[in-house]
Amino acid sequence: MALYGLWSRFDVVQQLASDMENIVESKINELGERWEGLREVEDEEYRDHLSDSLADEHHSYQKEWIPLIRESLLLSICSSFEFHLGRLCDEYAAACKSPFRISDLNDRGIKRCRTMLRRLGVDDVAFGASWNALAQIFEIRNKIAHAGGFYDDSIRKKIGARSDVFEQCEEFNRSIKIRADGIQVVCEHMTEALRLVNRNLYLPSTENRTEQGGGGQAATRSEST
């Protein structure tokens, strides 16, 4: 199945986020211990040199390493989600005996996947709050991937709307910051979005249920949907 392996990736990515940040935090704690040791350095000039070096190292860990870890994992899980969702669309199209494939559409990203699934008859109820959240997250993700992690005014409101994933930056700071639990929240949105899509993949449409005179599941939909 197209989604085979994606579920485990959610767990792996979240574990990586935790492990990698724990490593950085341990390095920051080590810096604190080394900082305490500066008191024993008698040469004032050398002590100032070591102090500046530790300050630079702390800034690197806190302001560069941790954001880079979160950005890298966000890019990775978003790319994986989009790839697997595209494969799901094509597998579902084949099951529906549809001549269309996702490559036939001009849209990009998960917007194209939604268009494809709707063309195949997946009800709009499948695209709920988590799907809309992912649409915003993917727009912000594109800024991280293609604009060096800096946003413009068009993205500011989306960052504010997605405060469960991103931090609202200061007025003059336009760098996109991911919350400590942001990767976990993104994975939760992806899990919920896939759950709703899967729930609606093989359910007959209202018209089909009426024609069939009741419930039950259909392996495929009619081409008219």
N, C-alpha and C. Protein backbone atom coordinates (compact mmCIF):
# COMPACT_ATOMS: atom_id res chain seq x y z
N MET A 1 0.84 -1.21 0.00
CA MET A 1 0.00 0.00 0.00
C MET A 1 0.87 1.24 0.00
N ALA A 2 0.33 2.32 -0.55
CA ALA A 2 1.09 3.57 -0.68
C ALA A 2 1.50 4.13 0.67
N LEU A 3 0.69 3.89 1.70
CA LEU A 3 0.97 4.48 3.00
C LEU A 3 1.81 3.59 3.88
N TYR A 4 2.19 2.41 3.36
CA TYR A 4 3.01 1.50 4.16
C TYR A 4 4.33 2.18 4.51
N GLY A 5 4.66 2.21 5.77
CA GLY A 5 5.91 2.81 6.21
C GLY A 5 5.78 4.25 6.65
N LEU A 6 4.73 4.95 6.18
CA LEU A 6 4.59 6.36 6.56
C LEU A 6 4.22 6.50 8.03
N TRP A 7 3.38 5.59 8.52
CA TRP A 7 2.97 5.68 9.93
C TRP A 7 4.17 5.57 10.84
N SER A 8 5.08 4.65 10.54
CA SER A 8 6.26 4.49 11.38
C SER A 8 7.18 5.70 11.28
N ARG A 9 7.16 6.37 10.13
CA ARG A 9 8.00 7.56 9.98
C ARG A 9 7.58 8.66 10.94
N PHE A 10 6.29 8.76 11.21
CA PHE A 10 5.84 9.76 12.18
C PHE A 10 6.54 9.53 13.52
N ASP A 11 6.57 8.26 13.97
CA ASP A 11 7.21 7.94 15.24
C ASP A 11 8.72 8.19 15.18
N VAL A 12 9.34 7.81 14.05
CA VAL A 12 10.79 7.99 13.91
C VAL A 12 11.16 9.47 13.93
N VAL A 13 10.43 10.29 13.19
CA VAL A 13 10.73 11.72 13.13
C VAL A 13 10.57 12.37 14.50
N GLN A 14 9.51 11.99 15.22
CA GLN A 14 9.32 12.56 16.55
C GLN A 14 10.42 12.13 17.50
N GLN A 15 10.86 10.87 17.38
CA GLN A 15 11.94 10.38 18.24
C GLN A 15 13.25 11.08 17.89
N LEU A 16 13.50 11.28 16.60
CA LEU A 16 14.70 12.00 16.17
C LEU A 16 14.71 13.43 16.71
N ALA A 17 13.56 14.09 16.64
CA ALA A 17 13.47 15.45 17.15
C ALA A 17 13.84 15.50 18.62
N SER A 18 13.32 14.55 19.38
CA SER A 18 13.61 14.50 20.82
C SER A 18 15.08 14.18 21.08
N ASP A 19 15.59 13.14 20.41
CA ASP A 19 16.98 12.72 20.64
C ASP A 19 17.98 13.80 20.27
N MET A 20 17.78 14.41 19.10
CA MET A 20 18.74 15.40 18.62
C MET A 20 18.73 16.66 19.49
N GLU A 21 17.56 17.06 19.94
CA GLU A 21 17.50 18.23 20.81
C GLU A 21 18.07 17.92 22.19
N ASN A 22 17.91 16.68 22.65
CA ASN A 22 18.51 16.29 23.92
C ASN A 22 20.02 16.36 23.84
N ILE A 23 20.57 15.97 22.69
CA ILE A 23 22.03 16.05 22.49
C ILE A 23 22.50 17.50 22.58
N VAL A 24 21.77 18.39 21.91
CA VAL A 24 22.15 19.80 21.92
C VAL A 24 22.02 20.37 23.33
N GLU A 25 20.94 20.01 24.03
CA GLU A 25 20.74 20.50 25.39
C GLU A 25 21.87 20.03 26.31
N SER A 26 22.33 18.79 26.11
CA SER A 26 23.44 18.29 26.93
C SER A 26 24.71 19.09 26.66
N LYS A 27 24.91 19.48 25.39
CA LYS A 27 26.07 20.29 25.05
C LYS A 27 25.97 21.67 25.69
N ILE A 28 24.76 22.22 25.73
CA ILE A 28 24.56 23.52 26.37
C ILE A 28 24.84 23.41 27.86
N ASN A 29 24.41 22.31 28.48
CA ASN A 29 24.69 22.10 29.90
C ASN A 29 26.18 21.97 30.17
N GLU A 30 26.89 21.30 29.25
CA GLU A 30 28.35 21.19 29.37
C GLU A 30 29.00 22.56 29.32
N LEU A 31 28.46 23.43 28.47
CA LEU A 31 28.99 24.80 28.40
C LEU A 31 28.86 25.50 29.74
N GLY A 32 27.75 25.25 30.42
CA GLY A 32 27.55 25.85 31.74
C GLY A 32 28.62 25.41 32.72
N GLU A 33 28.97 24.12 32.68
CA GLU A 33 30.01 23.60 33.57
C GLU A 33 31.37 24.21 33.22
N ARG A 34 31.63 24.34 31.92
CA ARG A 34 32.90 24.95 31.50
C ARG A 34 32.95 26.42 31.89
N TRP A 35 31.78 27.06 31.85
CA TRP A 35 31.70 28.47 32.23
C TRP A 35 32.08 28.64 33.70
N GLU A 36 31.61 27.74 34.53
CA GLU A 36 31.95 27.79 35.95
C GLU A 36 33.45 27.64 36.15
N GLY A 37 34.09 26.85 35.28
CA GLY A 37 35.52 26.62 35.40
C GLY A 37 36.37 27.83 35.05
N LEU A 38 35.77 28.83 34.42
CA LEU A 38 36.53 30.03 34.05
C LEU A 38 37.04 30.78 35.27
N ARG A 39 36.39 30.58 36.40
CA ARG A 39 36.81 31.28 37.61
C ARG A 39 38.23 30.90 38.02
N GLU A 40 38.63 29.70 37.61
CA GLU A 40 39.95 29.22 38.00
C GLU A 40 41.05 29.71 37.06
N VAL A 41 40.67 30.35 35.96
CA VAL A 41 41.67 30.86 35.02
C VAL A 41 42.16 32.22 35.53
N GLU A 42 43.44 32.30 35.82
CA GLU A 42 43.99 33.51 36.42
C GLU A 42 44.26 34.61 35.39
N ASP A 43 44.69 34.22 34.21
CA ASP A 43 45.01 35.22 33.18
C ASP A 43 43.71 35.86 32.69
N GLU A 44 43.53 37.15 32.99
CA GLU A 44 42.28 37.83 32.66
C GLU A 44 42.02 37.88 31.16
N GLU A 45 43.06 38.15 30.38
CA GLU A 45 42.89 38.23 28.93
C GLU A 45 42.48 36.88 28.35
N TYR A 46 43.14 35.83 28.83
CA TYR A 46 42.81 34.48 28.35
C TYR A 46 41.40 34.08 28.81
N ARG A 47 41.04 34.50 30.03
CA ARG A 47 39.69 34.20 30.54
C ARG A 47 38.63 34.88 29.69
N ASP A 48 38.89 36.13 29.29
CA ASP A 48 37.94 36.84 28.43
C ASP A 48 37.81 36.14 27.07
N HIS A 49 38.95 35.65 26.58
CA HIS A 49 38.93 34.94 25.30
C HIS A 49 38.08 33.68 25.40
N LEU A 50 38.27 32.92 26.48
CA LEU A 50 37.48 31.70 26.67
C LEU A 50 36.00 32.03 26.87
N SER A 51 35.72 33.11 27.56
CA SER A 51 34.34 33.53 27.80
C SER A 51 33.64 33.86 26.49
N ASP A 52 34.32 34.62 25.62
CA ASP A 52 33.73 34.96 24.32
C ASP A 52 33.51 33.71 23.48
N SER A 53 34.45 32.77 23.55
CA SER A 53 34.34 31.54 22.77
C SER A 53 33.15 30.71 23.23
N LEU A 54 32.96 30.61 24.56
CA LEU A 54 31.82 29.86 25.09
C LEU A 54 30.50 30.54 24.73
N ALA A 55 30.50 31.87 24.75
CA ALA A 55 29.28 32.61 24.40
C ALA A 55 28.90 32.36 22.94
N ASP A 56 29.90 32.35 22.07
CA ASP A 56 29.64 32.08 20.65
C ASP A 56 29.12 30.66 20.46
N GLU A 57 29.70 29.72 21.21
CA GLU A 57 29.29 28.33 21.09
C GLU A 57 27.85 28.15 21.58
N HIS A 58 27.52 28.82 22.68
CA HIS A 58 26.16 28.74 23.22
C HIS A 58 25.16 29.31 22.22
N HIS A 59 25.51 30.45 21.61
CA HIS A 59 24.63 31.07 20.60
C HIS A 59 24.43 30.12 19.42
N SER A 60 25.50 29.45 19.02
CA SER A 60 25.41 28.52 17.88
C SER A 60 24.45 27.38 18.18
N TYR A 61 24.56 26.80 19.37
CA TYR A 61 23.68 25.69 19.73
C TYR A 61 22.23 26.14 19.84
N GLN A 62 22.03 27.27 20.52
CA GLN A 62 20.67 27.71 20.81
C GLN A 62 19.98 28.33 19.61
N LYS A 63 20.71 29.12 18.83
CA LYS A 63 20.09 29.89 17.76
C LYS A 63 20.26 29.27 16.37
N GLU A 64 21.16 28.30 16.24
CA GLU A 64 21.40 27.71 14.92
C GLU A 64 21.13 26.21 14.90
N TRP A 65 21.69 25.48 15.84
CA TRP A 65 21.53 24.02 15.82
C TRP A 65 20.08 23.60 16.01
N ILE A 66 19.46 24.08 17.09
CA ILE A 66 18.08 23.66 17.38
C ILE A 66 17.12 24.06 16.27
N PRO A 67 17.12 25.32 15.78
CA PRO A 67 16.24 25.65 14.66
C PRO A 67 16.50 24.80 13.42
N LEU A 68 17.78 24.50 13.14
CA LEU A 68 18.11 23.71 11.96
C LEU A 68 17.59 22.28 12.09
N ILE A 69 17.67 21.71 13.28
CA ILE A 69 17.13 20.37 13.52
C ILE A 69 15.64 20.35 13.22
N ARG A 70 14.93 21.30 13.75
CA ARG A 70 13.48 21.34 13.58
C ARG A 70 13.10 21.59 12.12
N GLU A 71 13.81 22.50 11.47
CA GLU A 71 13.53 22.78 10.06
C GLU A 71 13.78 21.55 9.20
N SER A 72 14.89 20.87 9.43
CA SER A 72 15.25 19.70 8.63
C SER A 72 14.20 18.60 8.78
N LEU A 73 13.74 18.36 9.99
CA LEU A 73 12.75 17.32 10.22
C LEU A 73 11.39 17.71 9.63
N LEU A 74 11.05 18.99 9.69
CA LEU A 74 9.79 19.44 9.09
C LEU A 74 9.82 19.24 7.58
N LEU A 75 10.92 19.63 6.94
CA LEU A 75 11.05 19.45 5.50
C LEU A 75 10.97 17.98 5.13
N SER A 76 11.61 17.13 5.93
CA SER A 76 11.64 15.71 5.65
C SER A 76 10.25 15.08 5.74
N ILE A 77 9.53 15.35 6.82
CA ILE A 77 8.23 14.70 7.02
C ILE A 77 7.21 15.26 6.03
N CYS A 78 7.31 16.54 5.68
CA CYS A 78 6.38 17.11 4.69
C CYS A 78 6.61 16.49 3.32
N SER A 79 7.87 16.32 2.93
CA SER A 79 8.18 15.71 1.64
C SER A 79 7.70 14.26 1.60
N SER A 80 7.91 13.55 2.69
CA SER A 80 7.48 12.15 2.76
C SER A 80 5.96 12.04 2.69
N PHE A 81 5.27 12.91 3.41
CA PHE A 81 3.80 12.90 3.40
C PHE A 81 3.27 13.17 2.00
N GLU A 82 3.82 14.17 1.34
CA GLU A 82 3.36 14.53 -0.01
C GLU A 82 3.60 13.38 -0.99
N PHE A 83 4.76 12.73 -0.89
CA PHE A 83 5.09 11.62 -1.78
C PHE A 83 4.13 10.45 -1.58
N HIS A 84 3.93 10.05 -0.32
CA HIS A 84 3.05 8.92 -0.04
C HIS A 84 1.60 9.22 -0.40
N LEU A 85 1.18 10.47 -0.18
CA LEU A 85 -0.19 10.84 -0.52
C LEU A 85 -0.39 10.80 -2.03
N GLY A 86 0.61 11.21 -2.79
CA GLY A 86 0.53 11.13 -4.25
C GLY A 86 0.40 9.69 -4.72
N ARG A 87 1.17 8.78 -4.11
CA ARG A 87 1.06 7.36 -4.46
C ARG A 87 -0.31 6.81 -4.10
N LEU A 88 -0.85 7.26 -2.97
CA LEU A 88 -2.19 6.81 -2.57
C LEU A 88 -3.22 7.23 -3.61
N CYS A 89 -3.09 8.46 -4.12
CA CYS A 89 -4.02 8.96 -5.14
C CYS A 89 -4.00 8.05 -6.38
N ASP A 90 -2.80 7.69 -6.83
CA ASP A 90 -2.70 6.86 -8.03
C ASP A 90 -3.20 5.44 -7.78
N GLU A 91 -2.94 4.91 -6.59
CA GLU A 91 -3.45 3.57 -6.28
C GLU A 91 -4.97 3.57 -6.21
N TYR A 92 -5.53 4.64 -5.64
CA TYR A 92 -6.97 4.74 -5.55
C TYR A 92 -7.58 4.93 -6.94
N ALA A 93 -6.91 5.70 -7.79
CA ALA A 93 -7.39 5.90 -9.17
C ALA A 93 -7.41 4.57 -9.91
N ALA A 94 -6.37 3.76 -9.71
CA ALA A 94 -6.33 2.44 -10.36
C ALA A 94 -7.45 1.56 -9.84
N ALA A 95 -7.72 1.61 -8.53
CA ALA A 95 -8.79 0.80 -7.95
C ALA A 95 -10.15 1.23 -8.47
N CYS A 96 -10.28 2.54 -8.76
CA CYS A 96 -11.54 3.07 -9.31
C CYS A 96 -11.62 2.90 -10.83
N LYS A 97 -10.55 2.33 -11.42
CA LYS A 97 -10.47 2.17 -12.88
C LYS A 97 -10.60 3.50 -13.59
N SER A 98 -10.00 4.52 -12.99
CA SER A 98 -10.01 5.85 -13.58
C SER A 98 -8.80 6.00 -14.50
N PRO A 99 -8.97 6.66 -15.64
CA PRO A 99 -7.83 6.89 -16.54
C PRO A 99 -6.92 8.01 -16.04
N PHE A 100 -7.40 8.78 -15.08
CA PHE A 100 -6.62 9.92 -14.59
C PHE A 100 -5.54 9.46 -13.62
N ARG A 101 -4.42 10.15 -13.64
CA ARG A 101 -3.36 9.97 -12.66
C ARG A 101 -2.97 11.35 -12.15
N ILE A 102 -2.35 11.38 -11.01
CA ILE A 102 -2.07 12.67 -10.37
C ILE A 102 -1.16 13.53 -11.24
N SER A 103 -0.33 12.91 -12.05
CA SER A 103 0.56 13.66 -12.94
C SER A 103 -0.21 14.41 -14.03
N ASP A 104 -1.49 14.07 -14.22
CA ASP A 104 -2.30 14.75 -15.23
C ASP A 104 -2.77 16.13 -14.76
N LEU A 105 -2.63 16.41 -13.48
CA LEU A 105 -3.11 17.68 -12.93
C LEU A 105 -1.99 18.71 -12.88
N ASN A 106 -2.38 19.98 -12.97
CA ASN A 106 -1.41 21.06 -12.98
C ASN A 106 -1.06 21.58 -11.59
N ASP A 107 -1.93 21.33 -10.61
CA ASP A 107 -1.65 21.82 -9.26
C ASP A 107 -0.39 21.16 -8.71
N ARG A 108 0.10 21.68 -7.59
CA ARG A 108 1.28 21.13 -6.96
C ARG A 108 0.97 20.75 -5.51
N GLY A 109 1.82 19.88 -4.96
CA GLY A 109 1.75 19.55 -3.53
C GLY A 109 0.46 18.88 -3.13
N ILE A 110 0.08 19.08 -1.87
CA ILE A 110 -1.11 18.41 -1.35
C ILE A 110 -2.38 19.01 -1.93
N LYS A 111 -2.29 20.23 -2.49
CA LYS A 111 -3.46 20.80 -3.18
C LYS A 111 -3.81 19.93 -4.38
N ARG A 112 -2.81 19.46 -5.08
CA ARG A 112 -3.05 18.58 -6.23
C ARG A 112 -3.65 17.27 -5.76
N CYS A 113 -3.16 16.75 -4.63
CA CYS A 113 -3.71 15.49 -4.09
C CYS A 113 -5.19 15.65 -3.74
N ARG A 114 -5.52 16.77 -3.15
CA ARG A 114 -6.93 17.01 -2.81
C ARG A 114 -7.78 17.06 -4.08
N THR A 115 -7.30 17.77 -5.09
CA THR A 115 -8.04 17.86 -6.35
C THR A 115 -8.25 16.47 -6.93
N MET A 116 -7.22 15.65 -6.89
CA MET A 116 -7.30 14.29 -7.44
C MET A 116 -8.30 13.44 -6.66
N LEU A 117 -8.22 13.49 -5.35
CA LEU A 117 -9.12 12.68 -4.52
C LEU A 117 -10.57 13.12 -4.70
N ARG A 118 -10.80 14.42 -4.80
CA ARG A 118 -12.16 14.90 -5.02
C ARG A 118 -12.67 14.46 -6.39
N ARG A 119 -11.79 14.46 -7.39
CA ARG A 119 -12.19 14.02 -8.72
C ARG A 119 -12.60 12.55 -8.69
N LEU A 120 -11.96 11.79 -7.80
CA LEU A 120 -12.27 10.37 -7.67
C LEU A 120 -13.48 10.12 -6.78
N GLY A 121 -14.05 11.18 -6.23
CA GLY A 121 -15.28 11.04 -5.48
C GLY A 121 -15.15 11.08 -3.99
N VAL A 122 -13.98 11.38 -3.47
CA VAL A 122 -13.84 11.48 -2.01
C VAL A 122 -14.59 12.70 -1.53
N ASP A 123 -15.46 12.51 -0.56
CA ASP A 123 -16.32 13.59 -0.08
C ASP A 123 -15.51 14.69 0.59
N ASP A 124 -16.06 15.91 0.55
CA ASP A 124 -15.39 17.06 1.16
C ASP A 124 -15.20 16.89 2.66
N VAL A 125 -16.01 16.05 3.29
CA VAL A 125 -15.89 15.85 4.73
C VAL A 125 -14.52 15.29 5.09
N ALA A 126 -13.84 14.68 4.10
CA ALA A 126 -12.51 14.11 4.36
C ALA A 126 -11.46 15.20 4.55
N PHE A 127 -11.75 16.40 4.08
CA PHE A 127 -10.76 17.47 4.13
C PHE A 127 -11.16 18.47 5.21
N GLY A 128 -10.95 18.07 6.44
CA GLY A 128 -11.38 18.88 7.58
C GLY A 128 -10.31 19.79 8.12
N ALA A 129 -10.36 20.03 9.43
CA ALA A 129 -9.48 21.00 10.08
C ALA A 129 -8.01 20.64 9.92
N SER A 130 -7.68 19.35 10.07
CA SER A 130 -6.28 18.95 9.98
C SER A 130 -5.74 19.14 8.57
N TRP A 131 -6.58 18.87 7.56
CA TRP A 131 -6.13 19.08 6.19
C TRP A 131 -5.88 20.57 5.93
N ASN A 132 -6.78 21.42 6.42
CA ASN A 132 -6.61 22.87 6.24
C ASN A 132 -5.37 23.35 6.99
N ALA A 133 -5.12 22.76 8.16
CA ALA A 133 -3.92 23.12 8.92
C ALA A 133 -2.67 22.75 8.12
N LEU A 134 -2.68 21.57 7.50
CA LEU A 134 -1.53 21.13 6.71
C LEU A 134 -1.31 22.03 5.50
N ALA A 135 -2.39 22.50 4.91
CA ALA A 135 -2.25 23.40 3.76
C ALA A 135 -1.47 24.66 4.17
N GLN A 136 -1.77 25.19 5.35
CA GLN A 136 -1.05 26.36 5.84
C GLN A 136 0.38 26.00 6.21
N ILE A 137 0.56 24.85 6.86
CA ILE A 137 1.90 24.41 7.26
C ILE A 137 2.78 24.23 6.03
N PHE A 138 2.23 23.68 4.96
CA PHE A 138 3.02 23.46 3.74
C PHE A 138 3.42 24.79 3.10
N GLU A 139 2.56 25.81 3.17
CA GLU A 139 2.93 27.11 2.64
C GLU A 139 4.10 27.69 3.42
N ILE A 140 4.05 27.56 4.74
CA ILE A 140 5.14 28.05 5.58
C ILE A 140 6.38 27.21 5.36
N ARG A 141 6.19 25.91 5.20
CA ARG A 141 7.31 25.00 4.92
C ARG A 141 8.03 25.42 3.65
N ASN A 142 7.29 25.87 2.64
CA ASN A 142 7.91 26.31 1.38
C ASN A 142 8.80 27.52 1.59
N LYS A 143 8.41 28.39 2.53
CA LYS A 143 9.24 29.55 2.84
C LYS A 143 10.55 29.11 3.50
N ILE A 144 10.47 28.07 4.32
CA ILE A 144 11.68 27.55 4.95
C ILE A 144 12.58 26.93 3.89
N ALA A 145 11.98 26.21 2.95
CA ALA A 145 12.76 25.50 1.93
C ALA A 145 13.33 26.43 0.87
N HIS A 146 12.57 27.45 0.48
CA HIS A 146 12.95 28.24 -0.69
C HIS A 146 13.28 29.70 -0.39
N ALA A 147 13.03 30.15 0.85
CA ALA A 147 13.31 31.56 1.17
C ALA A 147 14.22 31.68 2.39
N GLY A 148 14.99 30.63 2.64
CA GLY A 148 15.97 30.70 3.72
C GLY A 148 15.38 30.79 5.10
N GLY A 149 14.11 30.38 5.26
CA GLY A 149 13.49 30.42 6.57
C GLY A 149 12.96 31.78 6.96
N PHE A 150 12.88 32.70 6.01
CA PHE A 150 12.35 34.04 6.29
C PHE A 150 10.98 34.19 5.62
N TYR A 151 10.09 34.91 6.28
CA TYR A 151 8.74 35.05 5.75
C TYR A 151 8.45 36.49 5.35
N ASP A 152 7.41 36.64 4.53
CA ASP A 152 6.96 37.97 4.15
C ASP A 152 5.58 38.21 4.76
N ASP A 153 4.99 39.34 4.45
CA ASP A 153 3.71 39.70 5.07
C ASP A 153 2.60 38.72 4.72
N SER A 154 2.69 38.09 3.56
CA SER A 154 1.64 37.16 3.15
C SER A 154 1.63 35.90 4.02
N ILE A 155 2.74 35.61 4.66
CA ILE A 155 2.84 34.40 5.48
C ILE A 155 2.66 34.71 6.97
N ARG A 156 2.80 35.98 7.34
CA ARG A 156 2.73 36.35 8.76
C ARG A 156 1.44 35.85 9.43
N LYS A 157 0.29 36.08 8.76
CA LYS A 157 -0.98 35.67 9.35
C LYS A 157 -1.08 34.15 9.46
N LYS A 158 -0.53 33.44 8.48
CA LYS A 158 -0.57 31.98 8.54
C LYS A 158 0.26 31.45 9.70
N ILE A 159 1.39 32.10 9.97
CA ILE A 159 2.20 31.72 11.13
C ILE A 159 1.41 31.95 12.41
N GLY A 160 0.72 33.08 12.47
CA GLY A 160 -0.11 33.37 13.64
C GLY A 160 -1.23 32.36 13.81
N ALA A 161 -1.83 31.94 12.70
CA ALA A 161 -2.92 30.96 12.75
C ALA A 161 -2.42 29.58 13.16
N ARG A 162 -1.15 29.30 12.90
CA ARG A 162 -0.58 28.00 13.22
C ARG A 162 0.36 28.11 14.41
N SER A 163 -0.13 28.77 15.47
CA SER A 163 0.67 28.93 16.68
C SER A 163 0.87 27.62 17.41
N ASP A 164 0.17 26.56 16.97
CA ASP A 164 0.41 25.23 17.56
C ASP A 164 1.70 24.62 17.02
N VAL A 165 2.22 25.18 15.91
CA VAL A 165 3.44 24.65 15.28
C VAL A 165 4.56 25.69 15.28
N PHE A 166 4.22 26.94 15.01
CA PHE A 166 5.23 27.98 14.84
C PHE A 166 5.10 29.05 15.92
N GLU A 167 6.24 29.66 16.24
CA GLU A 167 6.26 30.77 17.19
C GLU A 167 6.05 32.08 16.46
N GLN A 168 5.25 32.94 17.05
CA GLN A 168 5.07 34.27 16.47
C GLN A 168 6.30 35.10 16.80
N CYS A 169 7.01 35.53 15.79
CA CYS A 169 8.28 36.23 16.00
C CYS A 169 8.05 37.69 16.37
N GLU A 170 9.13 38.30 16.88
CA GLU A 170 9.08 39.72 17.19
C GLU A 170 8.84 40.52 15.91
N GLU A 171 8.44 41.76 16.09
CA GLU A 171 8.02 42.59 14.95
C GLU A 171 9.10 42.70 13.89
N PHE A 172 10.36 42.83 14.32
CA PHE A 172 11.44 43.06 13.36
C PHE A 172 12.24 41.80 13.08
N ASN A 173 11.75 40.66 13.55
CA ASN A 173 12.42 39.39 13.28
C ASN A 173 11.55 38.56 12.35
N ARG A 174 12.00 38.36 11.14
CA ARG A 174 11.19 37.66 10.14
C ARG A 174 11.65 36.22 9.91
N SER A 175 12.35 35.65 10.86
CA SER A 175 12.75 34.25 10.74
C SER A 175 11.63 33.35 11.27
N ILE A 176 11.39 32.25 10.58
CA ILE A 176 10.34 31.31 10.96
C ILE A 176 10.88 30.38 12.03
N LYS A 177 10.22 30.36 13.17
CA LYS A 177 10.66 29.52 14.28
C LYS A 177 9.63 28.43 14.56
N ILE A 178 10.09 27.21 14.68
CA ILE A 178 9.22 26.07 14.95
C ILE A 178 9.22 25.80 16.45
N ARG A 179 8.07 25.59 17.02
CA ARG A 179 7.95 25.33 18.45
C ARG A 179 8.63 24.02 18.82
N ALA A 180 8.95 23.87 20.11
CA ALA A 180 9.62 22.67 20.58
C ALA A 180 8.80 21.41 20.28
N ASP A 181 7.47 21.51 20.37
CA ASP A 181 6.59 20.37 20.09
C ASP A 181 5.96 20.48 18.70
N GLY A 182 6.49 21.39 17.87
CA GLY A 182 5.88 21.63 16.56
C GLY A 182 5.88 20.42 15.65
N ILE A 183 6.99 19.66 15.63
CA ILE A 183 7.07 18.48 14.76
C ILE A 183 6.03 17.45 15.17
N GLN A 184 5.85 17.26 16.46
CA GLN A 184 4.85 16.32 16.95
C GLN A 184 3.45 16.74 16.50
N VAL A 185 3.16 18.03 16.58
CA VAL A 185 1.84 18.52 16.18
C VAL A 185 1.62 18.32 14.69
N VAL A 186 2.65 18.57 13.88
CA VAL A 186 2.53 18.36 12.44
C VAL A 186 2.20 16.89 12.15
N CYS A 187 2.89 15.97 12.81
CA CYS A 187 2.63 14.54 12.62
C CYS A 187 1.21 14.18 13.04
N GLU A 188 0.72 14.81 14.10
CA GLU A 188 -0.66 14.56 14.54
C GLU A 188 -1.66 15.04 13.49
N HIS A 189 -1.41 16.20 12.90
CA HIS A 189 -2.30 16.70 11.83
C HIS A 189 -2.26 15.75 10.63
N MET A 190 -1.09 15.25 10.28
CA MET A 190 -0.96 14.33 9.15
C MET A 190 -1.70 13.03 9.42
N THR A 191 -1.55 12.52 10.63
CA THR A 191 -2.23 11.28 11.00
C THR A 191 -3.75 11.43 10.91
N GLU A 192 -4.26 12.55 11.43
CA GLU A 192 -5.70 12.79 11.40
C GLU A 192 -6.19 13.00 9.97
N ALA A 193 -5.43 13.74 9.16
CA ALA A 193 -5.83 13.97 7.77
C ALA A 193 -5.90 12.65 7.00
N LEU A 194 -4.91 11.79 7.18
CA LEU A 194 -4.91 10.49 6.51
C LEU A 194 -6.04 9.60 7.00
N ARG A 195 -6.33 9.68 8.29
CA ARG A 195 -7.42 8.87 8.85
C ARG A 195 -8.75 9.24 8.20
N LEU A 196 -8.99 10.54 8.03
CA LEU A 196 -10.25 10.98 7.43
C LEU A 196 -10.31 10.64 5.95
N VAL A 197 -9.18 10.78 5.24
CA VAL A 197 -9.16 10.41 3.83
C VAL A 197 -9.42 8.93 3.66
N ASN A 198 -8.73 8.11 4.46
CA ASN A 198 -8.92 6.66 4.36
C ASN A 198 -10.34 6.25 4.69
N ARG A 199 -10.94 6.95 5.65
CA ARG A 199 -12.31 6.61 6.05
C ARG A 199 -13.27 6.84 4.89
N ASN A 200 -12.95 7.80 4.03
CA ASN A 200 -13.86 8.17 2.94
C ASN A 200 -13.46 7.61 1.58
N LEU A 201 -12.37 6.86 1.52
CA LEU A 201 -11.91 6.37 0.22
C LEU A 201 -12.91 5.45 -0.44
N TYR A 202 -13.37 4.46 0.30
CA TYR A 202 -14.18 3.42 -0.34
C TYR A 202 -15.63 3.44 0.12
N LEU A 203 -16.05 4.52 0.76
CA LEU A 203 -17.45 4.65 1.12
C LEU A 203 -18.24 5.09 -0.11
N PRO A 204 -19.37 4.48 -0.38
CA PRO A 204 -20.16 4.91 -1.54
C PRO A 204 -20.70 6.32 -1.32
N SER A 205 -20.82 7.06 -2.39
CA SER A 205 -21.36 8.41 -2.29
C SER A 205 -22.84 8.34 -1.95
N THR A 206 -23.42 9.49 -1.62
CA THR A 206 -24.85 9.53 -1.27
C THR A 206 -25.70 9.01 -2.41
N GLU A 207 -25.37 9.38 -3.65
CA GLU A 207 -26.13 8.92 -4.81
C GLU A 207 -26.07 7.41 -4.93
N ASN A 208 -24.88 6.83 -4.74
CA ASN A 208 -24.74 5.38 -4.85
C ASN A 208 -25.50 4.66 -3.76
N ARG A 209 -25.46 5.23 -2.52
CA ARG A 209 -26.18 4.59 -1.42
C ARG A 209 -27.67 4.57 -1.71
N THR A 210 -28.18 5.66 -2.30
CA THR A 210 -29.60 5.74 -2.64
C THR A 210 -29.96 4.70 -3.70
N GLU A 211 -29.09 4.58 -4.72
CA GLU A 211 -29.35 3.64 -5.79
C GLU A 211 -29.27 2.20 -5.28
N GLN A 212 -28.36 1.94 -4.32
CA GLN A 212 -28.18 0.59 -3.81
C GLN A 212 -29.20 0.25 -2.74
N GLY A 213 -29.92 1.31 -2.27
CA GLY A 213 -30.95 1.08 -1.28
C GLY A 213 -30.44 0.85 0.12
N GLY A 214 -29.26 1.37 0.46
CA GLY A 214 -28.80 1.22 1.84
C GLY A 214 -27.31 1.35 1.97
N GLY A 215 -26.81 0.77 3.07
CA GLY A 215 -25.41 0.93 3.43
C GLY A 215 -24.52 -0.03 2.69
N GLY A 216 -23.40 -0.37 3.37
CA GLY A 216 -22.41 -1.22 2.74
C GLY A 216 -21.31 -0.39 2.14
N GLN A 217 -20.20 -1.04 1.79
CA GLN A 217 -19.06 -0.36 1.23
C GLN A 217 -18.88 -0.76 -0.22
N ALA A 218 -18.32 0.16 -0.98
CA ALA A 218 -18.07 -0.11 -2.39
C ALA A 218 -16.59 -0.11 -2.64
N ALA A 219 -16.12 -1.06 -3.41
CA ALA A 219 -14.68 -1.13 -3.70
C ALA A 219 -14.27 0.01 -4.60
N THR A 220 -15.18 0.44 -5.47
CA THR A 220 -14.87 1.54 -6.38
C THR A 220 -16.08 2.45 -6.47
N ARG A 221 -15.84 3.62 -7.02
CA ARG A 221 -16.95 4.56 -7.28
C ARG A 221 -17.22 4.60 -8.78
N SER A 222 -18.38 5.10 -9.11
CA SER A 222 -18.69 5.25 -10.52
C SER A 222 -17.85 6.38 -11.10
N GLU A 223 -17.56 6.32 -12.38
CA GLU A 223 -16.73 7.32 -13.02
C GLU A 223 -17.40 8.69 -12.99
N SER A 224 -18.70 8.74 -12.82
CA SER A 224 -19.38 10.04 -12.81
C SER A 224 -19.03 10.85 -11.59
N THR A 225 -18.49 10.19 -10.50
CA THR A 225 -18.13 10.93 -9.32
C THR A 225 -16.71 11.40 -9.41
